[in-house]
Amino acid sequence: MAQKSFDSKFARYAVDHVNADHADAMMIICKAHKNQDYKSVTLLDYDIEKMQIHAVDCSNAIQNIDIPFVRPLENARDFRPMLIEILNTAKETLK
């Protein structure tokens, strides 16, 4: 049911916004999730269950990383609060 209401146009906007303005947050999330440093990370997409990230680690190896959400999104606009929750958890993990 949630999949039918998923606004892919909004999701594309959110992905572009995160990549343009919040690359530092994505680096923190990936570092905490994989316990590894990265040269670059790019959010590719997200759905109700996870976000997909393209990452280049410090040895220039390319990784595609799926980071699951704590709970499924009900709609595309739930991404922002979920991303903030995941970022806060990542920051706590890296302390």
N, C-alpha and C. Protein backbone atom coordinates (compact mmCIF):
# COMPACT_ATOMS: atom_id res chain seq x y z
N MET A 1 0.81 -1.20 0.00
CA MET A 1 0.00 0.00 0.00
C MET A 1 0.86 1.27 0.00
N ALA A 2 1.90 1.33 0.83
CA ALA A 2 2.75 2.51 0.87
C ALA A 2 3.47 2.72 -0.46
N GLN A 3 3.81 1.66 -1.13
CA GLN A 3 4.52 1.76 -2.40
C GLN A 3 3.70 2.53 -3.43
N LYS A 4 2.37 2.38 -3.44
CA LYS A 4 1.51 3.06 -4.41
C LYS A 4 1.56 4.57 -4.22
N SER A 5 1.72 5.05 -2.99
CA SER A 5 1.73 6.48 -2.72
C SER A 5 3.13 7.07 -2.74
N PHE A 6 4.13 6.28 -3.08
CA PHE A 6 5.52 6.74 -3.07
C PHE A 6 5.73 7.73 -4.22
N ASP A 7 6.07 8.94 -3.88
CA ASP A 7 6.23 10.03 -4.85
C ASP A 7 7.66 10.03 -5.39
N SER A 8 7.87 9.39 -6.53
CA SER A 8 9.22 9.28 -7.08
C SER A 8 9.79 10.63 -7.50
N LYS A 9 8.94 11.57 -7.88
CA LYS A 9 9.41 12.92 -8.24
C LYS A 9 10.00 13.62 -7.01
N PHE A 10 9.31 13.50 -5.87
CA PHE A 10 9.83 14.08 -4.64
C PHE A 10 11.11 13.36 -4.23
N ALA A 11 11.14 12.05 -4.36
CA ALA A 11 12.33 11.27 -4.00
C ALA A 11 13.53 11.74 -4.81
N ARG A 12 13.35 12.00 -6.09
CA ARG A 12 14.45 12.48 -6.95
C ARG A 12 14.94 13.84 -6.45
N TYR A 13 14.00 14.72 -6.11
CA TYR A 13 14.36 16.02 -5.55
C TYR A 13 15.17 15.84 -4.26
N ALA A 14 14.70 14.95 -3.38
CA ALA A 14 15.38 14.73 -2.10
C ALA A 14 16.79 14.19 -2.31
N VAL A 15 16.95 13.25 -3.24
CA VAL A 15 18.27 12.69 -3.55
C VAL A 15 19.20 13.80 -4.05
N ASP A 16 18.73 14.60 -4.98
CA ASP A 16 19.55 15.69 -5.51
C ASP A 16 19.93 16.69 -4.41
N HIS A 17 18.99 17.00 -3.54
CA HIS A 17 19.25 17.92 -2.44
C HIS A 17 20.30 17.36 -1.47
N VAL A 18 20.16 16.11 -1.10
CA VAL A 18 21.12 15.49 -0.18
C VAL A 18 22.52 15.51 -0.81
N ASN A 19 22.62 15.14 -2.06
CA ASN A 19 23.93 15.12 -2.72
C ASN A 19 24.54 16.51 -2.85
N ALA A 20 23.72 17.52 -3.07
CA ALA A 20 24.22 18.88 -3.23
C ALA A 20 24.59 19.53 -1.90
N ASP A 21 23.80 19.26 -0.85
CA ASP A 21 23.95 20.01 0.39
C ASP A 21 24.33 19.21 1.63
N HIS A 22 24.31 17.89 1.55
CA HIS A 22 24.54 17.11 2.76
C HIS A 22 25.49 15.93 2.55
N ALA A 23 26.47 16.12 1.70
CA ALA A 23 27.46 15.06 1.45
C ALA A 23 28.20 14.68 2.73
N ASP A 24 28.44 15.66 3.59
CA ASP A 24 29.13 15.37 4.85
C ASP A 24 28.31 14.43 5.72
N ALA A 25 27.01 14.61 5.74
CA ALA A 25 26.15 13.71 6.52
C ALA A 25 26.19 12.30 5.95
N MET A 26 26.19 12.19 4.63
CA MET A 26 26.24 10.87 4.00
C MET A 26 27.57 10.17 4.30
N MET A 27 28.65 10.93 4.36
CA MET A 27 29.96 10.35 4.72
C MET A 27 29.92 9.77 6.13
N ILE A 28 29.33 10.51 7.05
CA ILE A 28 29.22 10.05 8.44
C ILE A 28 28.39 8.77 8.51
N ILE A 29 27.27 8.76 7.82
CA ILE A 29 26.39 7.59 7.83
C ILE A 29 27.11 6.37 7.27
N CYS A 30 27.80 6.53 6.15
CA CYS A 30 28.51 5.39 5.54
C CYS A 30 29.65 4.92 6.43
N LYS A 31 30.39 5.86 7.00
CA LYS A 31 31.50 5.48 7.88
C LYS A 31 30.99 4.66 9.06
N ALA A 32 29.90 5.09 9.66
CA ALA A 32 29.36 4.37 10.81
C ALA A 32 28.78 3.02 10.39
N HIS A 33 28.13 2.97 9.25
CA HIS A 33 27.49 1.73 8.80
C HIS A 33 28.50 0.66 8.39
N LYS A 34 29.58 1.08 7.73
CA LYS A 34 30.56 0.12 7.22
C LYS A 34 31.87 0.12 7.99
N ASN A 35 32.02 1.00 9.00
CA ASN A 35 33.25 1.10 9.77
C ASN A 35 34.46 1.31 8.86
N GLN A 36 34.31 2.26 7.94
CA GLN A 36 35.33 2.50 6.92
C GLN A 36 35.25 3.96 6.47
N ASP A 37 36.40 4.52 6.10
CA ASP A 37 36.42 5.88 5.56
C ASP A 37 36.22 5.85 4.05
N TYR A 38 35.68 6.94 3.53
CA TYR A 38 35.39 7.06 2.10
C TYR A 38 35.90 8.37 1.56
N LYS A 39 36.31 8.35 0.29
CA LYS A 39 36.68 9.58 -0.42
C LYS A 39 35.43 10.31 -0.88
N SER A 40 34.46 9.56 -1.33
CA SER A 40 33.21 10.17 -1.79
C SER A 40 32.06 9.20 -1.63
N VAL A 41 30.90 9.76 -1.42
CA VAL A 41 29.67 8.99 -1.36
C VAL A 41 28.59 9.77 -2.11
N THR A 42 27.74 9.05 -2.80
CA THR A 42 26.65 9.66 -3.54
C THR A 42 25.38 8.86 -3.28
N LEU A 43 24.37 9.53 -2.82
CA LEU A 43 23.07 8.88 -2.66
C LEU A 43 22.49 8.67 -4.05
N LEU A 44 22.20 7.42 -4.39
CA LEU A 44 21.65 7.10 -5.70
C LEU A 44 20.13 7.15 -5.71
N ASP A 45 19.52 6.60 -4.67
CA ASP A 45 18.07 6.47 -4.64
C ASP A 45 17.66 5.98 -3.26
N TYR A 46 16.38 5.97 -3.02
CA TYR A 46 15.82 5.33 -1.83
C TYR A 46 14.42 4.85 -2.14
N ASP A 47 14.01 3.87 -1.36
CA ASP A 47 12.64 3.37 -1.46
C ASP A 47 12.09 3.29 -0.04
N ILE A 48 11.05 2.54 0.16
CA ILE A 48 10.45 2.52 1.50
C ILE A 48 11.29 1.79 2.54
N GLU A 49 12.24 0.96 2.08
CA GLU A 49 13.00 0.13 3.02
C GLU A 49 14.47 0.52 3.20
N LYS A 50 15.05 1.21 2.23
CA LYS A 50 16.50 1.46 2.30
C LYS A 50 16.91 2.60 1.38
N MET A 51 18.15 3.05 1.60
CA MET A 51 18.75 3.99 0.66
C MET A 51 19.94 3.30 -0.01
N GLN A 52 20.15 3.61 -1.27
CA GLN A 52 21.24 3.03 -2.04
C GLN A 52 22.30 4.11 -2.28
N ILE A 53 23.54 3.75 -1.97
CA ILE A 53 24.63 4.71 -2.01
C ILE A 53 25.78 4.14 -2.84
N HIS A 54 26.38 4.99 -3.64
CA HIS A 54 27.58 4.67 -4.40
C HIS A 54 28.73 5.31 -3.62
N ALA A 55 29.74 4.53 -3.28
CA ALA A 55 30.85 5.04 -2.47
C ALA A 55 32.19 4.65 -3.07
N VAL A 56 33.16 5.52 -2.86
CA VAL A 56 34.55 5.25 -3.25
C VAL A 56 35.36 5.32 -1.97
N ASP A 57 36.00 4.19 -1.62
CA ASP A 57 36.77 4.18 -0.38
C ASP A 57 38.17 4.76 -0.59
N CYS A 58 38.96 4.77 0.45
CA CYS A 58 40.28 5.42 0.40
C CYS A 58 41.29 4.68 -0.47
N SER A 59 40.99 3.44 -0.85
CA SER A 59 41.86 2.72 -1.78
C SER A 59 41.30 2.78 -3.20
N ASN A 60 40.33 3.67 -3.41
CA ASN A 60 39.67 3.87 -4.70
C ASN A 60 38.77 2.72 -5.13
N ALA A 61 38.46 1.82 -4.22
CA ALA A 61 37.52 0.74 -4.53
C ALA A 61 36.10 1.31 -4.50
N ILE A 62 35.33 0.89 -5.46
CA ILE A 62 33.94 1.33 -5.56
C ILE A 62 33.04 0.34 -4.84
N GLN A 63 32.13 0.88 -4.06
CA GLN A 63 31.19 0.03 -3.32
C GLN A 63 29.77 0.57 -3.53
N ASN A 64 28.85 -0.32 -3.70
CA ASN A 64 27.44 0.04 -3.67
C ASN A 64 26.91 -0.44 -2.33
N ILE A 65 26.39 0.49 -1.56
CA ILE A 65 25.99 0.22 -0.19
C ILE A 65 24.48 0.43 -0.06
N ASP A 66 23.81 -0.55 0.52
CA ASP A 66 22.40 -0.41 0.88
C ASP A 66 22.35 -0.21 2.39
N ILE A 67 21.72 0.87 2.80
CA ILE A 67 21.55 1.12 4.22
C ILE A 67 20.06 1.04 4.53
N PRO A 68 19.67 0.05 5.31
CA PRO A 68 18.25 -0.13 5.62
C PRO A 68 17.75 0.95 6.58
N PHE A 69 16.50 1.30 6.43
CA PHE A 69 15.87 2.23 7.36
C PHE A 69 15.48 1.49 8.63
N VAL A 70 15.36 2.22 9.71
CA VAL A 70 14.97 1.66 11.00
C VAL A 70 13.58 1.04 10.92
N ARG A 71 12.74 1.65 10.11
CA ARG A 71 11.39 1.16 9.85
C ARG A 71 11.02 1.61 8.44
N PRO A 72 10.11 0.93 7.79
CA PRO A 72 9.73 1.33 6.42
C PRO A 72 9.13 2.75 6.39
N LEU A 73 9.44 3.46 5.34
CA LEU A 73 8.84 4.78 5.12
C LEU A 73 7.40 4.58 4.67
N GLU A 74 6.53 5.46 5.11
CA GLU A 74 5.15 5.41 4.64
C GLU A 74 5.00 6.13 3.32
N ASN A 75 5.87 7.14 3.08
CA ASN A 75 5.87 7.86 1.81
C ASN A 75 7.23 8.50 1.61
N ALA A 76 7.46 9.06 0.44
CA ALA A 76 8.76 9.61 0.10
C ALA A 76 9.18 10.75 1.02
N ARG A 77 8.22 11.51 1.51
CA ARG A 77 8.54 12.65 2.37
C ARG A 77 9.00 12.23 3.77
N ASP A 78 8.82 10.99 4.14
CA ASP A 78 9.33 10.49 5.42
C ASP A 78 10.84 10.31 5.40
N PHE A 79 11.45 10.49 4.24
CA PHE A 79 12.90 10.30 4.12
C PHE A 79 13.68 11.27 4.99
N ARG A 80 13.29 12.53 5.00
CA ARG A 80 14.05 13.55 5.75
C ARG A 80 14.16 13.19 7.24
N PRO A 81 13.05 12.96 7.94
CA PRO A 81 13.20 12.62 9.36
C PRO A 81 13.95 11.30 9.58
N MET A 82 13.79 10.36 8.66
CA MET A 82 14.52 9.09 8.78
C MET A 82 16.02 9.33 8.61
N LEU A 83 16.40 10.16 7.64
CA LEU A 83 17.81 10.45 7.41
C LEU A 83 18.41 11.13 8.63
N ILE A 84 17.68 12.05 9.24
CA ILE A 84 18.16 12.72 10.45
C ILE A 84 18.34 11.71 11.58
N GLU A 85 17.40 10.80 11.72
CA GLU A 85 17.50 9.77 12.76
C GLU A 85 18.73 8.88 12.53
N ILE A 86 18.94 8.46 11.29
CA ILE A 86 20.09 7.62 10.96
C ILE A 86 21.39 8.39 11.18
N LEU A 87 21.42 9.67 10.81
CA LEU A 87 22.62 10.49 11.02
C LEU A 87 22.92 10.62 12.51
N ASN A 88 21.92 10.90 13.31
CA ASN A 88 22.16 11.03 14.76
C ASN A 88 22.69 9.74 15.36
N THR A 89 22.13 8.61 14.93
CA THR A 89 22.62 7.31 15.40
C THR A 89 24.07 7.09 14.95
N ALA A 90 24.37 7.45 13.71
CA ALA A 90 25.74 7.30 13.20
C ALA A 90 26.73 8.14 14.00
N LYS A 91 26.34 9.36 14.31
CA LYS A 91 27.22 10.22 15.11
C LYS A 91 27.48 9.63 16.49
N GLU A 92 26.46 9.06 17.09
CA GLU A 92 26.63 8.41 18.40
C GLU A 92 27.56 7.19 18.27
N THR A 93 27.41 6.44 17.21
CA THR A 93 28.24 5.26 16.98
C THR A 93 29.71 5.64 16.85
N LEU A 94 29.99 6.76 16.22
CA LEU A 94 31.37 7.15 15.95
C LEU A 94 32.04 7.90 17.10
N LYS A 95 31.30 8.17 18.17
CA LYS A 95 31.89 8.88 19.33
C LYS A 95 32.98 8.06 19.95
